[in-house]
Amino acid sequence: MIQLVPQMRIRLACEPVDFRKGLDALVALCRAQWQQDPLDGTLFVFRNRTGTAVKLLVYDGQGFWLCLKRFSQGRLQGWPTADSDALQPLAAQQLLVLLYNGQPYAAAFADDWRPVKK
């Protein structure tokens, strides 16, 4: 099971990927294209070209998880556009909004860490 916590590093691939790629091809993409080590626990988020599905890739210390969510209706609404081949940081709360087909960059959240007033 994948547990999303505020401390988790999440990187979103701005450009769509070919969803025929499996686990090994996505790991190779992380290493070659973005010089990222998928073994460090970072969760990578990918989308298909039509915006109807997302894939999550993460290493949990024993093996890789590759999860697919295909939306039964509609297309992704909140996906960032940036330079090609770019990875964008994403907070855990934003990922949850994205997985419910919301707009993660438009949602307002409280800070993850804030001082407690006495």
PDB file of N, CA and C in Angstrom:
ATOM      1  N   MET A   1       0.831  -1.171   0.000  1.00  0.00           N
ATOM      2  CA  MET A   1       0.000   0.000   0.000  1.00  0.00           C
ATOM      3  C   MET A   1       0.878   1.237   0.000  1.00  0.00           C
ATOM      4  N   ILE A   2       0.475   2.236  -0.750  1.00  0.00           N
ATOM      5  CA  ILE A   2       1.201   3.498  -0.809  1.00  0.00           C
ATOM      6  C   ILE A   2       0.554   4.468   0.165  1.00  0.00           C
ATOM      7  N   GLN A   3       1.370   5.010   1.044  1.00  0.00           N
ATOM      8  CA  GLN A   3       0.861   5.975   2.012  1.00  0.00           C
ATOM      9  C   GLN A   3       1.369   7.358   1.623  1.00  0.00           C
ATOM     10  N   LEU A   4       0.452   8.281   1.420  1.00  0.00           N
ATOM     11  CA  LEU A   4       0.815   9.645   1.067  1.00  0.00           C
ATOM     12  C   LEU A   4       0.907  10.482   2.335  1.00  0.00           C
ATOM     13  N   VAL A   5       2.112  10.956   2.639  1.00  0.00           N
ATOM     14  CA  VAL A   5       2.347  11.781   3.819  1.00  0.00           C
ATOM     15  C   VAL A   5       2.951  13.108   3.365  1.00  0.00           C
ATOM     16  N   PRO A   6       2.809  14.166   4.154  1.00  0.00           N
ATOM     17  CA  PRO A   6       3.330  15.481   3.739  1.00  0.00           C
ATOM     18  C   PRO A   6       4.830  15.484   3.445  1.00  0.00           C
ATOM     19  N   GLN A   7       5.598  14.603   4.069  1.00  0.00           N
ATOM     20  CA  GLN A   7       7.044  14.579   3.874  1.00  0.00           C
ATOM     21  C   GLN A   7       7.467  13.904   2.574  1.00  0.00           C
ATOM     22  N   MET A   8       6.552  13.241   1.890  1.00  0.00           N
ATOM     23  CA  MET A   8       6.890  12.478   0.690  1.00  0.00           C
ATOM     24  C   MET A   8       7.264  13.410  -0.457  1.00  0.00           C
ATOM     25  N   ARG A   9       8.356  13.049  -1.143  1.00  0.00           N
ATOM     26  CA  ARG A   9       8.751  13.787  -2.340  1.00  0.00           C
ATOM     27  C   ARG A   9       7.937  13.255  -3.518  1.00  0.00           C
ATOM     28  N   ILE A  10       7.229  14.144  -4.192  1.00  0.00           N
ATOM     29  CA  ILE A  10       6.397  13.767  -5.331  1.00  0.00           C
ATOM     30  C   ILE A  10       6.815  14.641  -6.500  1.00  0.00           C
ATOM     31  N   ARG A  11       7.065  14.000  -7.644  1.00  0.00           N
ATOM     32  CA  ARG A  11       7.453  14.715  -8.856  1.00  0.00           C
ATOM     33  C   ARG A  11       6.482  14.345  -9.963  1.00  0.00           C
ATOM     34  N   LEU A  12       5.968  15.360 -10.633  1.00  0.00           N
ATOM     35  CA  LEU A  12       4.986  15.195 -11.687  1.00  0.00           C
ATOM     36  C   LEU A  12       5.658  15.472 -13.030  1.00  0.00           C
ATOM     37  N   ALA A  13       5.538  14.531 -13.957  1.00  0.00           N
ATOM     38  CA  ALA A  13       6.095  14.701 -15.299  1.00  0.00           C
ATOM     39  C   ALA A  13       5.142  15.577 -16.104  1.00  0.00           C
ATOM     40  N   CYS A  14       5.593  16.747 -16.501  1.00  0.00           N
ATOM     41  CA  CYS A  14       4.718  17.703 -17.198  1.00  0.00           C
ATOM     42  C   CYS A  14       4.298  17.191 -18.573  1.00  0.00           C
ATOM     43  N   GLU A  15       5.213  16.564 -19.276  1.00  0.00           N
ATOM     44  CA  GLU A  15       4.902  16.049 -20.607  1.00  0.00           C
ATOM     45  C   GLU A  15       4.283  14.656 -20.515  1.00  0.00           C
ATOM     46  N   PRO A  16       3.301  14.352 -21.354  1.00  0.00           N
ATOM     47  CA  PRO A  16       2.696  13.011 -21.337  1.00  0.00           C
ATOM     48  C   PRO A  16       3.705  11.935 -21.741  1.00  0.00           C
ATOM     49  N   VAL A  17       3.477  10.724 -21.267  1.00  0.00           N
ATOM     50  CA  VAL A  17       4.323   9.587 -21.634  1.00  0.00           C
ATOM     51  C   VAL A  17       3.469   8.533 -22.330  1.00  0.00           C
ATOM     52  N   ASP A  18       4.133   7.664 -23.040  1.00  0.00           N
ATOM     53  CA  ASP A  18       3.472   6.558 -23.718  1.00  0.00           C
ATOM     54  C   ASP A  18       3.069   5.528 -22.664  1.00  0.00           C
ATOM     55  N   PHE A  19       1.787   5.290 -22.511  1.00  0.00           N
ATOM     56  CA  PHE A  19       1.330   4.386 -21.459  1.00  0.00           C
ATOM     57  C   PHE A  19       1.502   2.916 -21.811  1.00  0.00           C
ATOM     58  N   ARG A  20       2.097   2.614 -22.952  1.00  0.00           N
ATOM     59  CA  ARG A  20       2.490   1.230 -23.224  1.00  0.00           C
ATOM     60  C   ARG A  20       3.748   0.884 -22.441  1.00  0.00           C
ATOM     61  N   LYS A  21       4.436   1.920 -21.954  1.00  0.00           N
ATOM     62  CA  LYS A  21       5.643   1.684 -21.150  1.00  0.00           C
ATOM     63  C   LYS A  21       5.265   1.031 -19.832  1.00  0.00           C
ATOM     64  N   GLY A  22       6.045   0.067 -19.467  1.00  0.00           N
ATOM     65  CA  GLY A  22       5.835  -0.614 -18.196  1.00  0.00           C
ATOM     66  C   GLY A  22       6.755  -0.067 -17.122  1.00  0.00           C
ATOM     67  N   LEU A  23       6.873  -0.818 -16.059  1.00  0.00           N
ATOM     68  CA  LEU A  23       7.650  -0.393 -14.900  1.00  0.00           C
ATOM     69  C   LEU A  23       9.105  -0.122 -15.250  1.00  0.00           C
ATOM     70  N   ASP A  24       9.773  -1.051 -15.925  1.00  0.00           N
ATOM     71  CA  ASP A  24      11.200  -0.884 -16.226  1.00  0.00           C
ATOM     72  C   ASP A  24      11.462   0.296 -17.140  1.00  0.00           C
ATOM     73  N   ALA A  25      10.584   0.534 -18.116  1.00  0.00           N
ATOM     74  CA  ALA A  25      10.763   1.652 -19.031  1.00  0.00           C
ATOM     75  C   ALA A  25      10.566   2.990 -18.311  1.00  0.00           C
ATOM     76  N   LEU A  26       9.623   3.056 -17.370  1.00  0.00           N
ATOM     77  CA  LEU A  26       9.415   4.295 -16.614  1.00  0.00           C
ATOM     78  C   LEU A  26      10.579   4.561 -15.658  1.00  0.00           C
ATOM     79  N   VAL A  27      11.122   3.518 -15.058  1.00  0.00           N
ATOM     80  CA  VAL A  27      12.307   3.666 -14.205  1.00  0.00           C
ATOM     81  C   VAL A  27      13.474   4.183 -15.038  1.00  0.00           C
ATOM     82  N   ALA A  28      13.665   3.621 -16.220  1.00  0.00           N
ATOM     83  CA  ALA A  28      14.739   4.071 -17.110  1.00  0.00           C
ATOM     84  C   ALA A  28      14.522   5.520 -17.532  1.00  0.00           C
ATOM     85  N   LEU A  29      13.284   5.913 -17.766  1.00  0.00           N
ATOM     86  CA  LEU A  29      12.958   7.300 -18.120  1.00  0.00           C
ATOM     87  C   LEU A  29      13.355   8.252 -16.992  1.00  0.00           C
ATOM     88  N   CYS A  30      13.048   7.877 -15.765  1.00  0.00           N
ATOM     89  CA  CYS A  30      13.424   8.709 -14.605  1.00  0.00           C
ATOM     90  C   CYS A  30      14.933   8.883 -14.528  1.00  0.00           C
ATOM     91  N   ARG A  31      15.656   7.803 -14.764  1.00  0.00           N
ATOM     92  CA  ARG A  31      17.119   7.860 -14.653  1.00  0.00           C
ATOM     93  C   ARG A  31      17.756   8.621 -15.815  1.00  0.00           C
ATOM     94  N   ALA A  32      17.351   8.299 -17.039  1.00  0.00           N
ATOM     95  CA  ALA A  32      18.021   8.855 -18.209  1.00  0.00           C
ATOM     96  C   ALA A  32      17.576  10.283 -18.522  1.00  0.00           C
ATOM     97  N   GLN A  33      16.298  10.536 -18.515  1.00  0.00           N
ATOM     98  CA  GLN A  33      15.797  11.834 -18.956  1.00  0.00           C
ATOM     99  C   GLN A  33      15.883  12.907 -17.873  1.00  0.00           C
ATOM    100  N   TRP A  34      15.657  12.531 -16.626  1.00  0.00           N
ATOM    101  CA  TRP A  34      15.609  13.529 -15.553  1.00  0.00           C
ATOM    102  C   TRP A  34      16.725  13.371 -14.531  1.00  0.00           C
ATOM    103  N   GLN A  35      17.615  12.408 -14.698  1.00  0.00           N
ATOM    104  CA  GLN A  35      18.716  12.145 -13.760  1.00  0.00           C
ATOM    105  C   GLN A  35      18.211  12.011 -12.332  1.00  0.00           C
ATOM    106  N   GLN A  36      17.077  11.323 -12.168  1.00  0.00           N
ATOM    107  CA  GLN A  36      16.488  11.068 -10.850  1.00  0.00           C
ATOM    108  C   GLN A  36      16.711   9.609 -10.480  1.00  0.00           C
ATOM    109  N   ASP A  37      16.906   9.339  -9.194  1.00  0.00           N
ATOM    110  CA  ASP A  37      17.055   7.966  -8.724  1.00  0.00           C
ATOM    111  C   ASP A  37      15.713   7.490  -8.187  1.00  0.00           C
ATOM    112  N   PRO A  38      15.009   6.618  -8.910  1.00  0.00           N
ATOM    113  CA  PRO A  38      13.707   6.159  -8.445  1.00  0.00           C
ATOM    114  C   PRO A  38      13.789   5.284  -7.188  1.00  0.00           C
ATOM    115  N   LEU A  39      14.999   4.876  -6.803  1.00  0.00           N
ATOM    116  CA  LEU A  39      15.155   4.056  -5.600  1.00  0.00           C
ATOM    117  C   LEU A  39      15.174   4.885  -4.320  1.00  0.00           C
ATOM    118  N   ASP A  40      15.114   6.214  -4.420  1.00  0.00           N
ATOM    119  CA  ASP A  40      15.192   7.041  -3.215  1.00  0.00           C
ATOM    120  C   ASP A  40      13.837   7.304  -2.567  1.00  0.00           C
ATOM    121  N   GLY A  41      12.771   6.704  -3.076  1.00  0.00           N
ATOM    122  CA  GLY A  41      11.462   6.843  -2.453  1.00  0.00           C
ATOM    123  C   GLY A  41      10.600   7.945  -3.031  1.00  0.00           C
ATOM    124  N   THR A  42      11.103   8.655  -4.033  1.00  0.00           N
ATOM    125  CA  THR A  42      10.300   9.687  -4.684  1.00  0.00           C
ATOM    126  C   THR A  42       9.158   9.027  -5.453  1.00  0.00           C
ATOM    127  N   LEU A  43       7.975   9.616  -5.364  1.00  0.00           N
ATOM    128  CA  LEU A  43       6.823   9.129  -6.118  1.00  0.00           C
ATOM    129  C   LEU A  43       6.726   9.950  -7.403  1.00  0.00           C
ATOM    130  N   PHE A  44       6.706   9.274  -8.548  1.00  0.00           N
ATOM    131  CA  PHE A  44       6.620   9.921  -9.848  1.00  0.00           C
ATOM    132  C   PHE A  44       5.210   9.753 -10.396  1.00  0.00           C
ATOM    133  N   VAL A  45       4.670  10.840 -10.965  1.00  0.00           N
ATOM    134  CA  VAL A  45       3.310  10.852 -11.507  1.00  0.00           C
ATOM    135  C   VAL A  45       3.398  11.134 -12.999  1.00  0.00           C
ATOM    136  N   PHE A  46       2.762  10.279 -13.783  1.00  0.00           N
ATOM    137  CA  PHE A  46       2.757  10.404 -15.236  1.00  0.00           C
ATOM    138  C   PHE A  46       1.321  10.458 -15.738  1.00  0.00           C
ATOM    139  N   ARG A  47       1.114  11.084 -16.890  1.00  0.00           N
ATOM    140  CA  ARG A  47      -0.199  11.097 -17.538  1.00  0.00           C
ATOM    141  C   ARG A  47      -0.064  10.599 -18.971  1.00  0.00           C
ATOM    142  N   ASN A  48      -1.176  10.112 -19.511  1.00  0.00           N
ATOM    143  CA  ASN A  48      -1.149   9.710 -20.913  1.00  0.00           C
ATOM    144  C   ASN A  48      -1.441  10.907 -21.801  1.00  0.00           C
ATOM    145  N   ARG A  49      -1.314  10.721 -23.092  1.00  0.00           N
ATOM    146  CA  ARG A  49      -1.476  11.837 -24.040  1.00  0.00           C
ATOM    147  C   ARG A  49      -2.885  12.401 -24.061  1.00  0.00           C
ATOM    148  N   THR A  50      -3.891  11.547 -23.892  1.00  0.00           N
ATOM    149  CA  THR A  50      -5.271  12.020 -23.955  1.00  0.00           C
ATOM    150  C   THR A  50      -5.757  12.603 -22.633  1.00  0.00           C
ATOM    151  N   GLY A  51      -4.989  12.426 -21.563  1.00  0.00           N
ATOM    152  CA  GLY A  51      -5.384  12.977 -20.262  1.00  0.00           C
ATOM    153  C   GLY A  51      -6.494  12.198 -19.590  1.00  0.00           C
ATOM    154  N   THR A  52      -6.650  10.931 -19.942  1.00  0.00           N
ATOM    155  CA  THR A  52      -7.700  10.103 -19.351  1.00  0.00           C
ATOM    156  C   THR A  52      -7.178   9.152 -18.286  1.00  0.00           C
ATOM    157  N   ALA A  53      -5.860   9.154 -18.038  1.00  0.00           N
ATOM    158  CA  ALA A  53      -5.296   8.222 -17.061  1.00  0.00           C
ATOM    159  C   ALA A  53      -3.999   8.777 -16.484  1.00  0.00           C
ATOM    160  N   VAL A  54      -3.661   8.318 -15.274  1.00  0.00           N
ATOM    161  CA  VAL A  54      -2.390   8.646 -14.626  1.00  0.00           C
ATOM    162  C   VAL A  54      -1.746   7.363 -14.121  1.00  0.00           C
ATOM    163  N   LYS A  55      -0.430   7.374 -14.068  1.00  0.00           N
ATOM    164  CA  LYS A  55       0.342   6.281 -13.482  1.00  0.00           C
ATOM    165  C   LYS A  55       1.207   6.848 -12.368  1.00  0.00           C
ATOM    166  N   LEU A  56       1.322   6.090 -11.287  1.00  0.00           N
ATOM    167  CA  LEU A  56       2.182   6.451 -10.165  1.00  0.00           C
ATOM    168  C   LEU A  56       3.274   5.396 -10.054  1.00  0.00           C
ATOM    169  N   LEU A  57       4.507   5.831  -9.883  1.00  0.00           N
ATOM    170  CA  LEU A  57       5.645   4.929  -9.739  1.00  0.00           C
ATOM    171  C   LEU A  57       6.389   5.303  -8.467  1.00  0.00           C
ATOM    172  N   VAL A  58       6.605   4.329  -7.582  1.00  0.00           N
ATOM    173  CA  VAL A  58       7.339   4.606  -6.347  1.00  0.00           C
ATOM    174  C   VAL A  58       8.022   3.318  -5.874  1.00  0.00           C
ATOM    175  N   TYR A  59       9.175   3.481  -5.245  1.00  0.00           N
ATOM    176  CA  TYR A  59       9.913   2.368  -4.642  1.00  0.00           C
ATOM    177  C   TYR A  59       9.711   2.437  -3.134  1.00  0.00           C
ATOM    178  N   ASP A  60       9.292   1.316  -2.510  1.00  0.00           N
ATOM    179  CA  ASP A  60       8.988   1.333  -1.077  1.00  0.00           C
ATOM    180  C   ASP A  60      10.058   0.704  -0.200  1.00  0.00           C
ATOM    181  N   GLY A  61      11.226   0.416  -0.758  1.00  0.00           N
ATOM    182  CA  GLY A  61      12.292  -0.197   0.018  1.00  0.00           C
ATOM    183  C   GLY A  61      12.436  -1.685  -0.265  1.00  0.00           C
ATOM    184  N   GLN A  62      11.392  -2.313  -0.775  1.00  0.00           N
ATOM    185  CA  GLN A  62      11.440  -3.733  -1.123  1.00  0.00           C
ATOM    186  C   GLN A  62      11.174  -3.979  -2.601  1.00  0.00           C
ATOM    187  N   GLY A  63      10.486  -3.051  -3.227  1.00  0.00           N
ATOM    188  CA  GLY A  63      10.154  -3.193  -4.636  1.00  0.00           C
ATOM    189  C   GLY A  63       9.393  -1.985  -5.134  1.00  0.00           C
ATOM    190  N   PHE A  64       9.145  -1.999  -6.422  1.00  0.00           N
ATOM    191  CA  PHE A  64       8.432  -0.888  -7.048  1.00  0.00           C
ATOM    192  C   PHE A  64       6.931  -1.120  -7.040  1.00  0.00           C
ATOM    193  N   TRP A  65       6.196  -0.024  -6.890  1.00  0.00           N
ATOM    194  CA  TRP A  65       4.749   0.006  -7.082  1.00  0.00           C
ATOM    195  C   TRP A  65       4.503   0.763  -8.376  1.00  0.00           C
ATOM    196  N   LEU A  66       3.633   0.228  -9.218  1.00  0.00           N
ATOM    197  CA  LEU A  66       3.179   0.936 -10.406  1.00  0.00           C
ATOM    198  C   LEU A  66       1.660   0.886 -10.381  1.00  0.00           C
ATOM    199  N   CYS A  67       1.055   2.034 -10.191  1.00  0.00           N
ATOM    200  CA  CYS A  67      -0.402   2.125 -10.074  1.00  0.00           C
ATOM    201  C   CYS A  67      -0.951   2.902 -11.261  1.00  0.00           C
ATOM    202  N   LEU A  68      -2.099   2.474 -11.742  1.00  0.00           N
ATOM    203  CA  LEU A  68      -2.767   3.126 -12.862  1.00  0.00           C
ATOM    204  C   LEU A  68      -4.169   3.521 -12.446  1.00  0.00           C
ATOM    205  N   LYS A  69      -4.548   4.746 -12.756  1.00  0.00           N
ATOM    206  CA  LYS A  69      -5.929   5.166 -12.567  1.00  0.00           C
ATOM    207  C   LYS A  69      -6.422   5.693 -13.901  1.00  0.00           C
ATOM    208  N   ARG A  70      -7.486   5.074 -14.404  1.00  0.00           N
ATOM    209  CA  ARG A  70      -8.131   5.544 -15.631  1.00  0.00           C
ATOM    210  C   ARG A  70      -9.462   6.153 -15.244  1.00  0.00           C
ATOM    211  N   PHE A  71      -9.693   7.372 -15.655  1.00  0.00           N
ATOM    212  CA  PHE A  71     -10.932   8.067 -15.312  1.00  0.00           C
ATOM    213  C   PHE A  71     -12.077   7.523 -16.163  1.00  0.00           C
ATOM    214  N   SER A  72     -13.198   7.228 -15.526  1.00  0.00           N
ATOM    215  CA  SER A  72     -14.341   6.680 -16.255  1.00  0.00           C
ATOM    216  C   SER A  72     -15.036   7.753 -17.080  1.00  0.00           C
ATOM    217  N   GLN A  73     -14.904   9.000 -16.661  1.00  0.00           N
ATOM    218  CA  GLN A  73     -15.505  10.105 -17.408  1.00  0.00           C
ATOM    219  C   GLN A  73     -14.558  11.295 -17.398  1.00  0.00           C
ATOM    220  N   GLY A  74     -14.501  11.989 -18.498  1.00  0.00           N
ATOM    221  CA  GLY A  74     -13.733  13.219 -18.564  1.00  0.00           C
ATOM    222  C   GLY A  74     -12.237  13.015 -18.708  1.00  0.00           C
ATOM    223  N   ARG A  75     -11.532  14.135 -18.686  1.00  0.00           N
ATOM    224  CA  ARG A  75     -10.076  14.166 -18.810  1.00  0.00           C
ATOM    225  C   ARG A  75      -9.496  14.968 -17.649  1.00  0.00           C
ATOM    226  N   LEU A  76      -8.195  14.812 -17.450  1.00  0.00           N
ATOM    227  CA  LEU A  76      -7.515  15.563 -16.395  1.00  0.00           C
ATOM    228  C   LEU A  76      -7.708  17.061 -16.606  1.00  0.00           C
ATOM    229  N   GLN A  77      -7.991  17.751 -15.524  1.00  0.00           N
ATOM    230  CA  GLN A  77      -8.242  19.185 -15.616  1.00  0.00           C
ATOM    231  C   GLN A  77      -7.057  20.010 -15.135  1.00  0.00           C
ATOM    232  N   GLY A  78      -6.336  19.529 -14.146  1.00  0.00           N
ATOM    233  CA  GLY A  78      -5.294  20.337 -13.529  1.00  0.00           C
ATOM    234  C   GLY A  78      -3.913  19.784 -13.746  1.00  0.00           C
ATOM    235  N   TRP A  79      -3.369  19.899 -14.938  1.00  0.00           N
ATOM    236  CA  TRP A  79      -2.017  19.416 -15.200  1.00  0.00           C
ATOM    237  C   TRP A  79      -1.149  20.595 -15.592  1.00  0.00           C
ATOM    238  N   PRO A  80       0.005  20.758 -14.967  1.00  0.00           N
ATOM    239  CA  PRO A  80       0.843  21.928 -15.274  1.00  0.00           C
ATOM    240  C   PRO A  80       1.478  21.831 -16.659  1.00  0.00           C
ATOM    241  N   THR A  81       1.740  22.953 -17.232  1.00  0.00           N
ATOM    242  CA  THR A  81       2.497  23.001 -18.471  1.00  0.00           C
ATOM    243  C   THR A  81       3.812  23.679 -18.158  1.00  0.00           C
ATOM    244  N   ALA A  82       4.865  23.078 -18.596  1.00  0.00           N
ATOM    245  CA  ALA A  82       6.204  23.627 -18.355  1.00  0.00           C
ATOM    246  C   ALA A  82       7.081  23.223 -19.524  1.00  0.00           C
ATOM    247  N   ASP A  83       8.345  23.524 -19.403  1.00  0.00           N
ATOM    248  CA  ASP A  83       9.281  23.114 -20.443  1.00  0.00           C
ATOM    249  C   ASP A  83       9.197  21.607 -20.619  1.00  0.00           C
ATOM    250  N   SER A  84       9.388  21.157 -21.837  1.00  0.00           N
ATOM    251  CA  SER A  84       9.329  19.714 -22.068  1.00  0.00           C
ATOM    252  C   SER A  84      10.403  19.026 -21.244  1.00  0.00           C
ATOM    253  N   ASP A  85      10.158  17.798 -20.919  1.00  0.00           N
ATOM    254  CA  ASP A  85      11.059  16.961 -20.119  1.00  0.00           C
ATOM    255  C   ASP A  85      11.229  17.475 -18.698  1.00  0.00           C
ATOM    256  N   ALA A  86      10.304  18.284 -18.212  1.00  0.00           N
ATOM    257  CA  ALA A  86      10.433  18.863 -16.872  1.00  0.00           C
ATOM    258  C   ALA A  86       9.655  18.039 -15.852  1.00  0.00           C
ATOM    259  N   LEU A  87      10.164  18.043 -14.633  1.00  0.00           N
ATOM    260  CA  LEU A  87       9.466  17.466 -13.479  1.00  0.00           C
ATOM    261  C   LEU A  87       9.036  18.613 -12.584  1.00  0.00           C
ATOM    262  N   GLN A  88       7.834  18.546 -12.101  1.00  0.00           N
ATOM    263  CA  GLN A  88       7.290  19.587 -11.230  1.00  0.00           C
ATOM    264  C   GLN A  88       7.057  18.986  -9.844  1.00  0.00           C
ATOM    265  N   PRO A  89       7.469  19.671  -8.762  1.00  0.00           N
ATOM    266  CA  PRO A  89       7.156  19.153  -7.424  1.00  0.00           C
ATOM    267  C   PRO A  89       5.663  19.267  -7.148  1.00  0.00           C
ATOM    268  N   LEU A  90       5.173  18.342  -6.362  1.00  0.00           N
ATOM    269  CA  LEU A  90       3.758  18.296  -6.019  1.00  0.00           C
ATOM    270  C   LEU A  90       3.643  17.890  -4.556  1.00  0.00           C
ATOM    271  N   ALA A  91       2.758  18.517  -3.811  1.00  0.00           N
ATOM    272  CA  ALA A  91       2.517  18.151  -2.414  1.00  0.00           C
ATOM    273  C   ALA A  91       1.556  16.967  -2.367  1.00  0.00           C
ATOM    274  N   ALA A  92       1.579  16.236  -1.267  1.00  0.00           N
ATOM    275  CA  ALA A  92       0.706  15.063  -1.124  1.00  0.00           C
ATOM    276  C   ALA A  92      -0.767  15.445  -1.245  1.00  0.00           C
ATOM    277  N   GLN A  93      -1.154  16.581  -0.656  1.00  0.00           N
ATOM    278  CA  GLN A  93      -2.548  17.015  -0.748  1.00  0.00           C
ATOM    279  C   GLN A  93      -2.919  17.326  -2.195  1.00  0.00           C
ATOM    280  N   GLN A  94      -2.002  17.916  -2.940  1.00  0.00           N
ATOM    281  CA  GLN A  94      -2.260  18.230  -4.333  1.00  0.00           C
ATOM    282  C   GLN A  94      -2.427  16.965  -5.167  1.00  0.00           C
ATOM    283  N   LEU A  95      -1.647  15.933  -4.840  1.00  0.00           N
ATOM    284  CA  LEU A  95      -1.797  14.663  -5.556  1.00  0.00           C
ATOM    285  C   LEU A  95      -3.173  14.068  -5.317  1.00  0.00           C
ATOM    286  N   LEU A  96      -3.654  14.142  -4.097  1.00  0.00           N
ATOM    287  CA  LEU A  96      -4.991  13.617  -3.807  1.00  0.00           C
ATOM    288  C   LEU A  96      -6.062  14.363  -4.606  1.00  0.00           C
ATOM    289  N   VAL A  97      -5.931  15.678  -4.706  1.00  0.00           N
ATOM    290  CA  VAL A  97      -6.874  16.465  -5.510  1.00  0.00           C
ATOM    291  C   VAL A  97      -6.788  16.040  -6.974  1.00  0.00           C
ATOM    292  N   LEU A  98      -5.566  15.861  -7.465  1.00  0.00           N
ATOM    293  CA  LEU A  98      -5.359  15.449  -8.849  1.00  0.00           C
ATOM    294  C   LEU A  98      -5.985  14.087  -9.129  1.00  0.00           C
ATOM    295  N   LEU A  99      -5.840  13.152  -8.195  1.00  0.00           N
ATOM    296  CA  LEU A  99      -6.390  11.806  -8.385  1.00  0.00           C
ATOM    297  C   LEU A  99      -7.916  11.794  -8.384  1.00  0.00           C
ATOM    298  N   TYR A 100      -8.523  12.826  -7.825  1.00  0.00           N
ATOM    299  CA  TYR A 100      -9.980  12.976  -7.887  1.00  0.00           C
ATOM    300  C   TYR A 100     -10.380  13.886  -9.053  1.00  0.00           C
ATOM    301  N   ASN A 101      -9.442  14.092  -9.981  1.00  0.00           N
ATOM    302  CA  ASN A 101      -9.646  14.880 -11.193  1.00  0.00           C
ATOM    303  C   ASN A 101      -9.975  16.339 -10.887  1.00  0.00           C
ATOM    304  N   GLY A 102      -9.346  16.857  -9.858  1.00  0.00           N
ATOM    305  CA  GLY A 102      -9.501  18.261  -9.521  1.00  0.00           C
ATOM    306  C   GLY A 102      -8.325  19.069 -10.046  1.00  0.00           C
ATOM    307  N   GLN A 103      -8.256  20.306  -9.665  1.00  0.00           N
ATOM    308  CA  GLN A 103      -7.169  21.186 -10.076  1.00  0.00           C
ATOM    309  C   GLN A 103      -6.247  21.446  -8.888  1.00  0.00           C
ATOM    310  N   PRO A 104      -5.141  20.693  -8.780  1.00  0.00           N
ATOM    311  CA  PRO A 104      -4.290  20.767  -7.588  1.00  0.00           C
ATOM    312  C   PRO A 104      -3.622  22.107  -7.365  1.00  0.00           C
ATOM    313  N   TYR A 105      -3.337  22.857  -8.418  1.00  0.00           N
ATOM    314  CA  TYR A 105      -2.642  24.132  -8.238  1.00  0.00           C
ATOM    315  C   TYR A 105      -3.610  25.258  -7.901  1.00  0.00           C
ATOM    316  N   ALA A 106      -4.908  25.010  -8.044  1.00  0.00           N
ATOM    317  CA  ALA A 106      -5.910  26.012  -7.702  1.00  0.00           C
ATOM    318  C   ALA A 106      -6.447  25.818  -6.283  1.00  0.00           C
ATOM    319  N   ALA A 107      -6.205  24.655  -5.691  1.00  0.00           N
ATOM    320  CA  ALA A 107      -6.711  24.361  -4.348  1.00  0.00           C
ATOM    321  C   ALA A 107      -5.875  25.096  -3.296  1.00  0.00           C
ATOM    322  N   ALA A 108      -6.539  25.543  -2.249  1.00  0.00           N
ATOM    323  CA  ALA A 108      -5.849  26.242  -1.160  1.00  0.00           C
ATOM    324  C   ALA A 108      -5.725  25.301   0.033  1.00  0.00           C
ATOM    325  N   PHE A 109      -4.517  25.193   0.569  1.00  0.00           N
ATOM    326  CA  PHE A 109      -4.253  24.321   1.704  1.00  0.00           C
ATOM    327  C   PHE A 109      -3.533  25.104   2.798  1.00  0.00           C
ATOM    328  N   ALA A 110      -3.682  24.644   4.021  1.00  0.00           N
ATOM    329  CA  ALA A 110      -2.887  25.198   5.116  1.00  0.00           C
ATOM    330  C   ALA A 110      -1.446  24.707   4.955  1.00  0.00           C
ATOM    331  N   ASP A 111      -0.500  25.440   5.531  1.00  0.00           N
ATOM    332  CA  ASP A 111       0.886  25.005   5.491  1.00  0.00           C
ATOM    333  C   ASP A 111       1.043  23.661   6.176  1.00  0.00           C
ATOM    334  N   ASP A 112       1.972  22.839   5.670  1.00  0.00           N
ATOM    335  CA  ASP A 112       2.230  21.540   6.290  1.00  0.00           C
ATOM    336  C   ASP A 112       2.746  21.700   7.716  1.00  0.00           C
ATOM    337  N   TRP A 113       3.628  22.680   7.912  1.00  0.00           N
ATOM    338  CA  TRP A 113       4.236  22.891   9.226  1.00  0.00           C
ATOM    339  C   TRP A 113       4.037  24.344   9.603  1.00  0.00           C
ATOM    340  N   ARG A 114       3.546  24.559  10.765  1.00  0.00           N
ATOM    341  CA  ARG A 114       3.364  25.923  11.251  1.00  0.00           C
ATOM    342  C   ARG A 114       3.537  25.919  12.777  1.00  0.00           C
ATOM    343  N   PRO A 115       3.986  27.037  13.334  1.00  0.00           N
ATOM    344  CA  PRO A 115       4.160  27.072  14.790  1.00  0.00           C
ATOM    345  C   PRO A 115       2.816  27.037  15.509  1.00  0.00           C
ATOM    346  N   VAL A 116       2.813  26.390  16.635  1.00  0.00           N
ATOM    347  CA  VAL A 116       1.616  26.351  17.464  1.00  0.00           C
ATOM    348  C   VAL A 116       1.673  27.562  18.386  1.00  0.00           C
ATOM    349  N   LYS A 117       0.629  28.339  18.382  1.00  0.00           N
ATOM    350  CA  LYS A 117       0.590  29.541  19.224  1.00  0.00           C
ATOM    351  C   LYS A 117       0.277  29.149  20.655  1.00  0.00           C
ATOM    352  N   LYS A 118       0.941  29.826  21.591  1.00  0.00           N
ATOM    353  CA  LYS A 118       0.758  29.523  23.005  1.00  0.00           C
ATOM    354  C   LYS A 118      -0.348  30.354  23.576  1.00  0.00           C
TER     355      LYS A 118
END
